[in-house]
Amino acid sequence: MLQTQKVRLTNYLDERSAYLTQFSEDAIAEFDEIGENALKDLDEAGARIMENLESRVRAFEECAKLRKGLFFKNLRERAPGEQAEAKEEIEKIKEINKETPG
């Protein structure tokens, strides 16, 4: 009778051990899948952020080129009278800067 109970207990422990082993393997597989999905989502988010930044940089560069072109275009297109007025304004600003400390 003792031998029978020992066999039953051993069988029960083997079944529980197999169940727990399978449970842990399933849990590990689920954790791995969750981790892979999280990494994939992070990669996609990083790619979207980089695309957004690159488009903003391109827009900024285009705007800077346009403003630079307009700046130099405006310098060339001034009439002689306007240039004289601009020089007078520059002189006035220089005088004010000399008079005002800092």
PDB file of N, CA and C in Angstrom:
ATOM      1  N   MET A   1       0.829  -1.195   0.000  1.00  0.00           N
ATOM      2  CA  MET A   1       0.000   0.000   0.000  1.00  0.00           C
ATOM      3  C   MET A   1       0.874   1.261   0.000  1.00  0.00           C
ATOM      4  N   LEU A   2       1.927   1.226   0.759  1.00  0.00           N
ATOM      5  CA  LEU A   2       2.833   2.363   0.786  1.00  0.00           C
ATOM      6  C   LEU A   2       3.466   2.562  -0.593  1.00  0.00           C
ATOM      7  N   GLN A   3       3.795   1.460  -1.223  1.00  0.00           N
ATOM      8  CA  GLN A   3       4.385   1.520  -2.558  1.00  0.00           C
ATOM      9  C   GLN A   3       3.383   2.117  -3.557  1.00  0.00           C
ATOM     10  N   THR A   4       2.126   1.791  -3.462  1.00  0.00           N
ATOM     11  CA  THR A   4       1.084   2.308  -4.347  1.00  0.00           C
ATOM     12  C   THR A   4       0.939   3.813  -4.161  1.00  0.00           C
ATOM     13  N   GLN A   5       0.915   4.277  -2.936  1.00  0.00           N
ATOM     14  CA  GLN A   5       0.810   5.708  -2.669  1.00  0.00           C
ATOM     15  C   GLN A   5       2.046   6.446  -3.182  1.00  0.00           C
ATOM     16  N   LYS A   6       3.194   5.829  -3.047  1.00  0.00           N
ATOM     17  CA  LYS A   6       4.432   6.437  -3.543  1.00  0.00           C
ATOM     18  C   LYS A   6       4.363   6.599  -5.064  1.00  0.00           C
ATOM     19  N   VAL A   7       3.844   5.578  -5.757  1.00  0.00           N
ATOM     20  CA  VAL A   7       3.717   5.646  -7.212  1.00  0.00           C
ATOM     21  C   VAL A   7       2.708   6.721  -7.600  1.00  0.00           C
ATOM     22  N   ARG A   8       1.597   6.775  -6.889  1.00  0.00           N
ATOM     23  CA  ARG A   8       0.584   7.802  -7.173  1.00  0.00           C
ATOM     24  C   ARG A   8       1.155   9.210  -6.957  1.00  0.00           C
ATOM     25  N   LEU A   9       1.846   9.390  -5.864  1.00  0.00           N
ATOM     26  CA  LEU A   9       2.448  10.697  -5.568  1.00  0.00           C
ATOM     27  C   LEU A   9       3.477  11.067  -6.627  1.00  0.00           C
ATOM     28  N   THR A  10       4.281  10.119  -7.031  1.00  0.00           N
ATOM     29  CA  THR A  10       5.277  10.370  -8.078  1.00  0.00           C
ATOM     30  C   THR A  10       4.598  10.749  -9.387  1.00  0.00           C
ATOM     31  N   ASN A  11       3.537  10.042  -9.752  1.00  0.00           N
ATOM     32  CA  ASN A  11       2.798  10.367 -10.973  1.00  0.00           C
ATOM     33  C   ASN A  11       2.184  11.773 -10.888  1.00  0.00           C
ATOM     34  N   TYR A  12       1.596  12.090  -9.715  1.00  0.00           N
ATOM     35  CA  TYR A  12       1.005  13.409  -9.527  1.00  0.00           C
ATOM     36  C   TYR A  12       2.071  14.496  -9.647  1.00  0.00           C
ATOM     37  N   LEU A  13       3.214  14.307  -9.023  1.00  0.00           N
ATOM     38  CA  LEU A  13       4.301  15.290  -9.088  1.00  0.00           C
ATOM     39  C   LEU A  13       4.833  15.434 -10.509  1.00  0.00           C
ATOM     40  N   ASP A  14       4.925  14.319 -11.234  1.00  0.00           N
ATOM     41  CA  ASP A  14       5.366  14.380 -12.632  1.00  0.00           C
ATOM     42  C   ASP A  14       4.371  15.169 -13.488  1.00  0.00           C
ATOM     43  N   GLU A  15       3.068  14.939 -13.261  1.00  0.00           N
ATOM     44  CA  GLU A  15       2.039  15.678 -14.012  1.00  0.00           C
ATOM     45  C   GLU A  15       2.114  17.172 -13.696  1.00  0.00           C
ATOM     46  N   ARG A  16       2.225  17.511 -12.427  1.00  0.00           N
ATOM     47  CA  ARG A  16       2.285  18.929 -12.015  1.00  0.00           C
ATOM     48  C   ARG A  16       3.564  19.577 -12.545  1.00  0.00           C
ATOM     49  N   SER A  17       4.637  18.837 -12.518  1.00  0.00           N
ATOM     50  CA  SER A  17       5.903  19.351 -13.032  1.00  0.00           C
ATOM     51  C   SER A  17       5.798  19.628 -14.528  1.00  0.00           C
ATOM     52  N   ALA A  18       5.185  18.697 -15.256  1.00  0.00           N
ATOM     53  CA  ALA A  18       5.001  18.892 -16.698  1.00  0.00           C
ATOM     54  C   ALA A  18       4.104  20.091 -16.965  1.00  0.00           C
ATOM     55  N   TYR A  19       3.025  20.212 -16.151  1.00  0.00           N
ATOM     56  CA  TYR A  19       2.107  21.348 -16.313  1.00  0.00           C
ATOM     57  C   TYR A  19       2.830  22.659 -16.043  1.00  0.00           C
ATOM     58  N   LEU A  20       3.588  22.739 -14.971  1.00  0.00           N
ATOM     59  CA  LEU A  20       4.304  23.977 -14.640  1.00  0.00           C
ATOM     60  C   LEU A  20       5.379  24.295 -15.674  1.00  0.00           C
ATOM     61  N   THR A  21       6.040  23.267 -16.178  1.00  0.00           N
ATOM     62  CA  THR A  21       7.040  23.480 -17.221  1.00  0.00           C
ATOM     63  C   THR A  21       6.390  24.065 -18.469  1.00  0.00           C
ATOM     64  N   GLN A  22       5.249  23.488 -18.877  1.00  0.00           N
ATOM     65  CA  GLN A  22       4.535  23.993 -20.048  1.00  0.00           C
ATOM     66  C   GLN A  22       4.033  25.413 -19.809  1.00  0.00           C
ATOM     67  N   PHE A  23       3.521  25.661 -18.593  1.00  0.00           N
ATOM     68  CA  PHE A  23       3.040  26.993 -18.235  1.00  0.00           C
ATOM     69  C   PHE A  23       4.166  28.019 -18.325  1.00  0.00           C
ATOM     70  N   SER A  24       5.325  27.682 -17.804  1.00  0.00           N
ATOM     71  CA  SER A  24       6.453  28.624 -17.843  1.00  0.00           C
ATOM     72  C   SER A  24       6.936  28.844 -19.269  1.00  0.00           C
ATOM     73  N   GLU A  25       6.952  27.799 -20.089  1.00  0.00           N
ATOM     74  CA  GLU A  25       7.364  27.963 -21.493  1.00  0.00           C
ATOM     75  C   GLU A  25       6.388  28.856 -22.242  1.00  0.00           C
ATOM     76  N   ASP A  26       5.079  28.681 -21.987  1.00  0.00           N
ATOM     77  CA  ASP A  26       4.080  29.539 -22.621  1.00  0.00           C
ATOM     78  C   ASP A  26       4.242  30.997 -22.174  1.00  0.00           C
ATOM     79  N   ALA A  27       4.498  31.190 -20.875  1.00  0.00           N
ATOM     80  CA  ALA A  27       4.665  32.548 -20.347  1.00  0.00           C
ATOM     81  C   ALA A  27       5.895  33.215 -20.964  1.00  0.00           C
ATOM     82  N   ILE A  28       6.976  32.462 -21.078  1.00  0.00           N
ATOM     83  CA  ILE A  28       8.199  33.009 -21.678  1.00  0.00           C
ATOM     84  C   ILE A  28       7.951  33.381 -23.132  1.00  0.00           C
ATOM     85  N   ALA A  29       7.228  32.514 -23.850  1.00  0.00           N
ATOM     86  CA  ALA A  29       6.920  32.810 -25.257  1.00  0.00           C
ATOM     87  C   ALA A  29       6.071  34.073 -25.372  1.00  0.00           C
ATOM     88  N   GLU A  30       5.093  34.238 -24.482  1.00  0.00           N
ATOM     89  CA  GLU A  30       4.254  35.442 -24.506  1.00  0.00           C
ATOM     90  C   GLU A  30       5.073  36.689 -24.186  1.00  0.00           C
ATOM     91  N   PHE A  31       5.952  36.594 -23.191  1.00  0.00           N
ATOM     92  CA  PHE A  31       6.809  37.735 -22.861  1.00  0.00           C
ATOM     93  C   PHE A  31       7.715  38.093 -24.036  1.00  0.00           C
ATOM     94  N   ASP A  32       8.256  37.102 -24.697  1.00  0.00           N
ATOM     95  CA  ASP A  32       9.092  37.355 -25.872  1.00  0.00           C
ATOM     96  C   ASP A  32       8.296  38.052 -26.964  1.00  0.00           C
ATOM     97  N   GLU A  33       7.065  37.594 -27.185  1.00  0.00           N
ATOM     98  CA  GLU A  33       6.225  38.210 -28.211  1.00  0.00           C
ATOM     99  C   GLU A  33       5.889  39.651 -27.859  1.00  0.00           C
ATOM    100  N   ILE A  34       5.583  39.877 -26.583  1.00  0.00           N
ATOM    101  CA  ILE A  34       5.292  41.245 -26.135  1.00  0.00           C
ATOM    102  C   ILE A  34       6.518  42.134 -26.325  1.00  0.00           C
ATOM    103  N   GLY A  35       7.686  41.630 -25.974  1.00  0.00           N
ATOM    104  CA  GLY A  35       8.917  42.403 -26.150  1.00  0.00           C
ATOM    105  C   GLY A  35       9.200  42.711 -27.605  1.00  0.00           C
ATOM    106  N   GLU A  36       9.013  41.733 -28.481  1.00  0.00           N
ATOM    107  CA  GLU A  36       9.245  41.963 -29.911  1.00  0.00           C
ATOM    108  C   GLU A  36       8.271  42.989 -30.466  1.00  0.00           C
ATOM    109  N   ASN A  37       6.997  42.891 -30.047  1.00  0.00           N
ATOM    110  CA  ASN A  37       6.002  43.865 -30.505  1.00  0.00           C
ATOM    111  C   ASN A  37       6.335  45.272 -30.010  1.00  0.00           C
ATOM    112  N   ALA A  38       6.797  45.356 -28.768  1.00  0.00           N
ATOM    113  CA  ALA A  38       7.161  46.662 -28.216  1.00  0.00           C
ATOM    114  C   ALA A  38       8.340  47.255 -28.982  1.00  0.00           C
ATOM    115  N   LEU A  39       9.337  46.434 -29.285  1.00  0.00           N
ATOM    116  CA  LEU A  39      10.488  46.931 -30.046  1.00  0.00           C
ATOM    117  C   LEU A  39      10.082  47.364 -31.442  1.00  0.00           C
ATOM    118  N   LYS A  40       9.193  46.593 -32.069  1.00  0.00           N
ATOM    119  CA  LYS A  40       8.728  46.953 -33.408  1.00  0.00           C
ATOM    120  C   LYS A  40       7.974  48.289 -33.372  1.00  0.00           C
ATOM    121  N   ASP A  41       7.120  48.460 -32.347  1.00  0.00           N
ATOM    122  CA  ASP A  41       6.388  49.711 -32.205  1.00  0.00           C
ATOM    123  C   ASP A  41       7.334  50.883 -31.961  1.00  0.00           C
ATOM    124  N   LEU A  42       8.364  50.646 -31.147  1.00  0.00           N
ATOM    125  CA  LEU A  42       9.345  51.709 -30.893  1.00  0.00           C
ATOM    126  C   LEU A  42      10.109  52.068 -32.162  1.00  0.00           C
ATOM    127  N   ASP A  43      10.473  51.064 -32.947  1.00  0.00           N
ATOM    128  CA  ASP A  43      11.171  51.327 -34.200  1.00  0.00           C
ATOM    129  C   ASP A  43      10.293  52.132 -35.156  1.00  0.00           C
ATOM    130  N   GLU A  44       9.014  51.772 -35.238  1.00  0.00           N
ATOM    131  CA  GLU A  44       8.097  52.503 -36.108  1.00  0.00           C
ATOM    132  C   GLU A  44       7.919  53.935 -35.631  1.00  0.00           C
ATOM    133  N   ALA A  45       7.788  54.117 -34.316  1.00  0.00           N
ATOM    134  CA  ALA A  45       7.646  55.462 -33.766  1.00  0.00           C
ATOM    135  C   ALA A  45       8.909  56.280 -34.019  1.00  0.00           C
ATOM    136  N   GLY A  46      10.069  55.655 -33.850  1.00  0.00           N
ATOM    137  CA  GLY A  46      11.330  56.350 -34.116  1.00  0.00           C
ATOM    138  C   GLY A  46      11.445  56.757 -35.577  1.00  0.00           C
ATOM    139  N   ALA A  47      11.006  55.872 -36.467  1.00  0.00           N
ATOM    140  CA  ALA A  47      11.052  56.186 -37.899  1.00  0.00           C
ATOM    141  C   ALA A  47      10.130  57.351 -38.216  1.00  0.00           C
ATOM    142  N   ARG A  48       8.921  57.353 -37.622  1.00  0.00           N
ATOM    143  CA  ARG A  48       7.990  58.474 -37.864  1.00  0.00           C
ATOM    144  C   ARG A  48       8.568  59.783 -37.336  1.00  0.00           C
ATOM    145  N   ILE A  49       9.176  59.729 -36.167  1.00  0.00           N
ATOM    146  CA  ILE A  49       9.759  60.943 -35.587  1.00  0.00           C
ATOM    147  C   ILE A  49      10.889  61.455 -36.477  1.00  0.00           C
ATOM    148  N   MET A  50      11.744  60.557 -36.944  1.00  0.00           N
ATOM    149  CA  MET A  50      12.858  60.969 -37.811  1.00  0.00           C
ATOM    150  C   MET A  50      12.339  61.560 -39.124  1.00  0.00           C
ATOM    151  N   GLU A  51      11.306  60.952 -39.717  1.00  0.00           N
ATOM    152  CA  GLU A  51      10.731  61.496 -40.943  1.00  0.00           C
ATOM    153  C   GLU A  51      10.181  62.895 -40.699  1.00  0.00           C
ATOM    154  N   ASN A  52       9.510  63.069 -39.564  1.00  0.00           N
ATOM    155  CA  ASN A  52       8.954  64.371 -39.221  1.00  0.00           C
ATOM    156  C   ASN A  52      10.060  65.408 -39.049  1.00  0.00           C
ATOM    157  N   LEU A  53      11.118  65.026 -38.342  1.00  0.00           N
ATOM    158  CA  LEU A  53      12.244  65.946 -38.151  1.00  0.00           C
ATOM    159  C   LEU A  53      12.917  66.294 -39.476  1.00  0.00           C
ATOM    160  N   GLU A  54      13.107  65.285 -40.323  1.00  0.00           N
ATOM    161  CA  GLU A  54      13.742  65.528 -41.614  1.00  0.00           C
ATOM    162  C   GLU A  54      12.900  66.461 -42.477  1.00  0.00           C
ATOM    163  N   SER A  55      11.584  66.297 -42.447  1.00  0.00           N
ATOM    164  CA  SER A  55      10.736  67.185 -43.244  1.00  0.00           C
ATOM    165  C   SER A  55      10.791  68.607 -42.697  1.00  0.00           C
ATOM    166  N   ARG A  56      10.860  68.735 -41.371  1.00  0.00           N
ATOM    167  CA  ARG A  56      10.965  70.083 -40.784  1.00  0.00           C
ATOM    168  C   ARG A  56      12.301  70.726 -41.133  1.00  0.00           C
ATOM    169  N   VAL A  57      13.366  69.927 -41.128  1.00  0.00           N
ATOM    170  CA  VAL A  57      14.685  70.459 -41.489  1.00  0.00           C
ATOM    171  C   VAL A  57      14.675  70.909 -42.945  1.00  0.00           C
ATOM    172  N   ARG A  58      14.084  70.077 -43.820  1.00  0.00           N
ATOM    173  CA  ARG A  58      14.010  70.466 -45.234  1.00  0.00           C
ATOM    174  C   ARG A  58      13.222  71.752 -45.403  1.00  0.00           C
ATOM    175  N   ALA A  59      12.094  71.871 -44.698  1.00  0.00           N
ATOM    176  CA  ALA A  59      11.283  73.089 -44.786  1.00  0.00           C
ATOM    177  C   ALA A  59      12.070  74.295 -44.282  1.00  0.00           C
ATOM    178  N   PHE A  60      12.807  74.113 -43.188  1.00  0.00           N
ATOM    179  CA  PHE A  60      13.615  75.201 -42.652  1.00  0.00           C
ATOM    180  C   PHE A  60      14.695  75.619 -43.642  1.00  0.00           C
ATOM    181  N   GLU A  61      15.367  74.625 -44.255  1.00  0.00           N
ATOM    182  CA  GLU A  61      16.419  74.938 -45.225  1.00  0.00           C
ATOM    183  C   GLU A  61      15.857  75.666 -46.434  1.00  0.00           C
ATOM    184  N   GLU A  62      14.691  75.232 -46.916  1.00  0.00           N
ATOM    185  CA  GLU A  62      14.069  75.919 -48.053  1.00  0.00           C
ATOM    186  C   GLU A  62      13.709  77.349 -47.689  1.00  0.00           C
ATOM    187  N   CYS A  63      13.172  77.534 -46.491  1.00  0.00           N
ATOM    188  CA  CYS A  63      12.799  78.875 -46.035  1.00  0.00           C
ATOM    189  C   CYS A  63      14.046  79.753 -45.918  1.00  0.00           C
ATOM    190  N   ALA A  64      15.130  79.183 -45.374  1.00  0.00           N
ATOM    191  CA  ALA A  64      16.376  79.954 -45.230  1.00  0.00           C
ATOM    192  C   ALA A  64      16.932  80.344 -46.596  1.00  0.00           C
ATOM    193  N   LYS A  65      16.884  79.419 -47.565  1.00  0.00           N
ATOM    194  CA  LYS A  65      17.368  79.737 -48.915  1.00  0.00           C
ATOM    195  C   LYS A  65      16.534  80.847 -49.532  1.00  0.00           C
ATOM    196  N   LEU A  66      15.221  80.760 -49.354  1.00  0.00           N
ATOM    197  CA  LEU A  66      14.336  81.778 -49.917  1.00  0.00           C
ATOM    198  C   LEU A  66      14.619  83.135 -49.292  1.00  0.00           C
ATOM    199  N   ARG A  67      14.750  83.164 -47.978  1.00  0.00           N
ATOM    200  CA  ARG A  67      15.018  84.444 -47.306  1.00  0.00           C
ATOM    201  C   ARG A  67      16.380  85.005 -47.698  1.00  0.00           C
ATOM    202  N   LYS A  68      17.360  84.124 -47.833  1.00  0.00           N
ATOM    203  CA  LYS A  68      18.691  84.572 -48.244  1.00  0.00           C
ATOM    204  C   LYS A  68      18.626  85.181 -49.645  1.00  0.00           C
ATOM    205  N   GLY A  69      17.905  84.499 -50.556  1.00  0.00           N
ATOM    206  CA  GLY A  69      17.762  85.037 -51.909  1.00  0.00           C
ATOM    207  C   GLY A  69      17.064  86.361 -51.923  1.00  0.00           C
ATOM    208  N   LEU A  70      15.999  86.490 -51.117  1.00  0.00           N
ATOM    209  CA  LEU A  70      15.274  87.766 -51.068  1.00  0.00           C
ATOM    210  C   LEU A  70      16.138  88.861 -50.462  1.00  0.00           C
ATOM    211  N   PHE A  71      16.930  88.498 -49.468  1.00  0.00           N
ATOM    212  CA  PHE A  71      17.799  89.487 -48.833  1.00  0.00           C
ATOM    213  C   PHE A  71      18.763  90.074 -49.853  1.00  0.00           C
ATOM    214  N   PHE A  72      19.456  89.199 -50.586  1.00  0.00           N
ATOM    215  CA  PHE A  72      20.426  89.699 -51.563  1.00  0.00           C
ATOM    216  C   PHE A  72      19.742  90.378 -52.746  1.00  0.00           C
ATOM    217  N   LYS A  73      18.570  89.910 -53.091  1.00  0.00           N
ATOM    218  CA  LYS A  73      17.823  90.549 -54.178  1.00  0.00           C
ATOM    219  C   LYS A  73      17.452  91.973 -53.775  1.00  0.00           C
ATOM    220  N   ASN A  74      17.013  92.151 -52.544  1.00  0.00           N
ATOM    221  CA  ASN A  74      16.651  93.485 -52.067  1.00  0.00           C
ATOM    222  C   ASN A  74      17.864  94.397 -51.995  1.00  0.00           C
ATOM    223  N   LEU A  75      19.026  93.859 -51.706  1.00  0.00           N
ATOM    224  CA  LEU A  75      20.228  94.687 -51.660  1.00  0.00           C
ATOM    225  C   LEU A  75      20.572  95.225 -53.040  1.00  0.00           C
ATOM    226  N   ARG A  76      20.410  94.410 -54.056  1.00  0.00           N
ATOM    227  CA  ARG A  76      20.769  94.809 -55.411  1.00  0.00           C
ATOM    228  C   ARG A  76      19.761  95.761 -56.031  1.00  0.00           C
ATOM    229  N   GLU A  77      18.506  95.676 -55.628  1.00  0.00           N
ATOM    230  CA  GLU A  77      17.463  96.430 -56.306  1.00  0.00           C
ATOM    231  C   GLU A  77      17.204  97.802 -55.705  1.00  0.00           C
ATOM    232  N   ARG A  78      17.960  98.243 -54.757  1.00  0.00           N
ATOM    233  CA  ARG A  78      17.718  99.557 -54.150  1.00  0.00           C
ATOM    234  C   ARG A  78      18.151 100.676 -55.096  1.00  0.00           C
ATOM    235  N   ALA A  79      17.360 101.692 -55.046  1.00  0.00           N
ATOM    236  CA  ALA A  79      17.678 102.881 -55.841  1.00  0.00           C
ATOM    237  C   ALA A  79      18.768 103.676 -55.125  1.00  0.00           C
ATOM    238  N   PRO A  80      19.506 104.515 -55.854  1.00  0.00           N
ATOM    239  CA  PRO A  80      20.593 105.282 -55.220  1.00  0.00           C
ATOM    240  C   PRO A  80      20.119 106.151 -54.065  1.00  0.00           C
ATOM    241  N   GLY A  81      18.927 106.711 -54.154  1.00  0.00           N
ATOM    242  CA  GLY A  81      18.391 107.539 -53.073  1.00  0.00           C
ATOM    243  C   GLY A  81      18.141 106.736 -51.816  1.00  0.00           C
ATOM    244  N   GLU A  82      17.655 105.535 -51.991  1.00  0.00           N
ATOM    245  CA  GLU A  82      17.402 104.664 -50.842  1.00  0.00           C
ATOM    246  C   GLU A  82      18.703 104.260 -50.162  1.00  0.00           C
ATOM    247  N   GLN A  83      19.746 104.057 -50.943  1.00  0.00           N
ATOM    248  CA  GLN A  83      21.028 103.690 -50.355  1.00  0.00           C
ATOM    249  C   GLN A  83      21.569 104.817 -49.495  1.00  0.00           C
ATOM    250  N   ALA A  84      21.384 106.044 -49.944  1.00  0.00           N
ATOM    251  CA  ALA A  84      21.843 107.189 -49.165  1.00  0.00           C
ATOM    252  C   ALA A  84      21.063 107.280 -47.853  1.00  0.00           C
ATOM    253  N   GLU A  85      19.756 107.064 -47.921  1.00  0.00           N
ATOM    254  CA  GLU A  85      18.935 107.090 -46.703  1.00  0.00           C
ATOM    255  C   GLU A  85      19.364 105.979 -45.743  1.00  0.00           C
ATOM    256  N   ALA A  86      19.659 104.820 -46.294  1.00  0.00           N
ATOM    257  CA  ALA A  86      20.088 103.705 -45.451  1.00  0.00           C
ATOM    258  C   ALA A  86      21.401 104.036 -44.757  1.00  0.00           C
ATOM    259  N   LYS A  87      22.337 104.691 -45.485  1.00  0.00           N
ATOM    260  CA  LYS A  87      23.608 105.074 -44.876  1.00  0.00           C
ATOM    261  C   LYS A  87      23.389 106.087 -43.760  1.00  0.00           C
ATOM    262  N   GLU A  88      22.469 107.034 -43.959  1.00  0.00           N
ATOM    263  CA  GLU A  88      22.166 108.012 -42.921  1.00  0.00           C
ATOM    264  C   GLU A  88      21.607 107.324 -41.675  1.00  0.00           C
ATOM    265  N   GLU A  89      20.712 106.369 -41.894  1.00  0.00           N
ATOM    266  CA  GLU A  89      20.150 105.634 -40.758  1.00  0.00           C
ATOM    267  C   GLU A  89      21.243 104.871 -40.005  1.00  0.00           C
ATOM    268  N   ILE A  90      22.156 104.284 -40.737  1.00  0.00           N
ATOM    269  CA  ILE A  90      23.262 103.551 -40.107  1.00  0.00           C
ATOM    270  C   ILE A  90      24.103 104.499 -39.264  1.00  0.00           C
ATOM    271  N   GLU A  91      24.359 105.679 -39.785  1.00  0.00           N
ATOM    272  CA  GLU A  91      25.148 106.665 -39.041  1.00  0.00           C
ATOM    273  C   GLU A  91      24.417 107.099 -37.777  1.00  0.00           C
ATOM    274  N   LYS A  92      23.096 107.306 -37.878  1.00  0.00           N
ATOM    275  CA  LYS A  92      22.312 107.698 -36.702  1.00  0.00           C
ATOM    276  C   LYS A  92      22.369 106.599 -35.645  1.00  0.00           C
ATOM    277  N   ILE A  93      22.254 105.356 -36.089  1.00  0.00           N
ATOM    278  CA  ILE A  93      22.300 104.233 -35.147  1.00  0.00           C
ATOM    279  C   ILE A  93      23.663 104.154 -34.476  1.00  0.00           C
ATOM    280  N   LYS A  94      24.721 104.381 -35.257  1.00  0.00           N
ATOM    281  CA  LYS A  94      26.066 104.353 -34.679  1.00  0.00           C
ATOM    282  C   LYS A  94      26.224 105.434 -33.621  1.00  0.00           C
ATOM    283  N   GLU A  95      25.686 106.644 -33.899  1.00  0.00           N
ATOM    284  CA  GLU A  95      25.780 107.742 -32.940  1.00  0.00           C
ATOM    285  C   GLU A  95      25.008 107.424 -31.663  1.00  0.00           C
ATOM    286  N   ILE A  96      23.821 106.875 -31.832  1.00  0.00           N
ATOM    287  CA  ILE A  96      23.020 106.509 -30.648  1.00  0.00           C
ATOM    288  C   ILE A  96      23.739 105.439 -29.840  1.00  0.00           C
ATOM    289  N   ASN A  97      24.348 104.495 -30.508  1.00  0.00           N
ATOM    290  CA  ASN A  97      25.072 103.436 -29.784  1.00  0.00           C
ATOM    291  C   ASN A  97      26.267 103.999 -29.038  1.00  0.00           C
ATOM    292  N   LYS A  98      26.923 105.013 -29.602  1.00  0.00           N
ATOM    293  CA  LYS A  98      28.055 105.626 -28.915  1.00  0.00           C
ATOM    294  C   LYS A  98      27.578 106.360 -27.671  1.00  0.00           C
ATOM    295  N   GLU A  99      26.418 107.031 -27.776  1.00  0.00           N
ATOM    296  CA  GLU A  99      25.895 107.824 -26.661  1.00  0.00           C
ATOM    297  C   GLU A  99      25.345 106.940 -25.548  1.00  0.00           C
ATOM    298  N   THR A 100      24.734 105.815 -25.926  1.00  0.00           N
ATOM    299  CA  THR A 100      24.109 104.949 -24.922  1.00  0.00           C
ATOM    300  C   THR A 100      25.106 103.902 -24.442  1.00  0.00           C
ATOM    301  N   PRO A 101      25.307 103.835 -23.149  1.00  0.00           N
ATOM    302  CA  PRO A 101      26.231 102.816 -22.648  1.00  0.00           C
ATOM    303  C   PRO A 101      25.617 101.417 -22.761  1.00  0.00           C
ATOM    304  N   GLY A 102      26.440 100.435 -23.061  1.00  0.00           N
ATOM    305  CA  GLY A 102      25.992  99.043 -23.113  1.00  0.00           C
ATOM    306  C   GLY A 102      25.280  98.769 -24.385  1.00  0.00           C
TER     307      GLY A 102
END
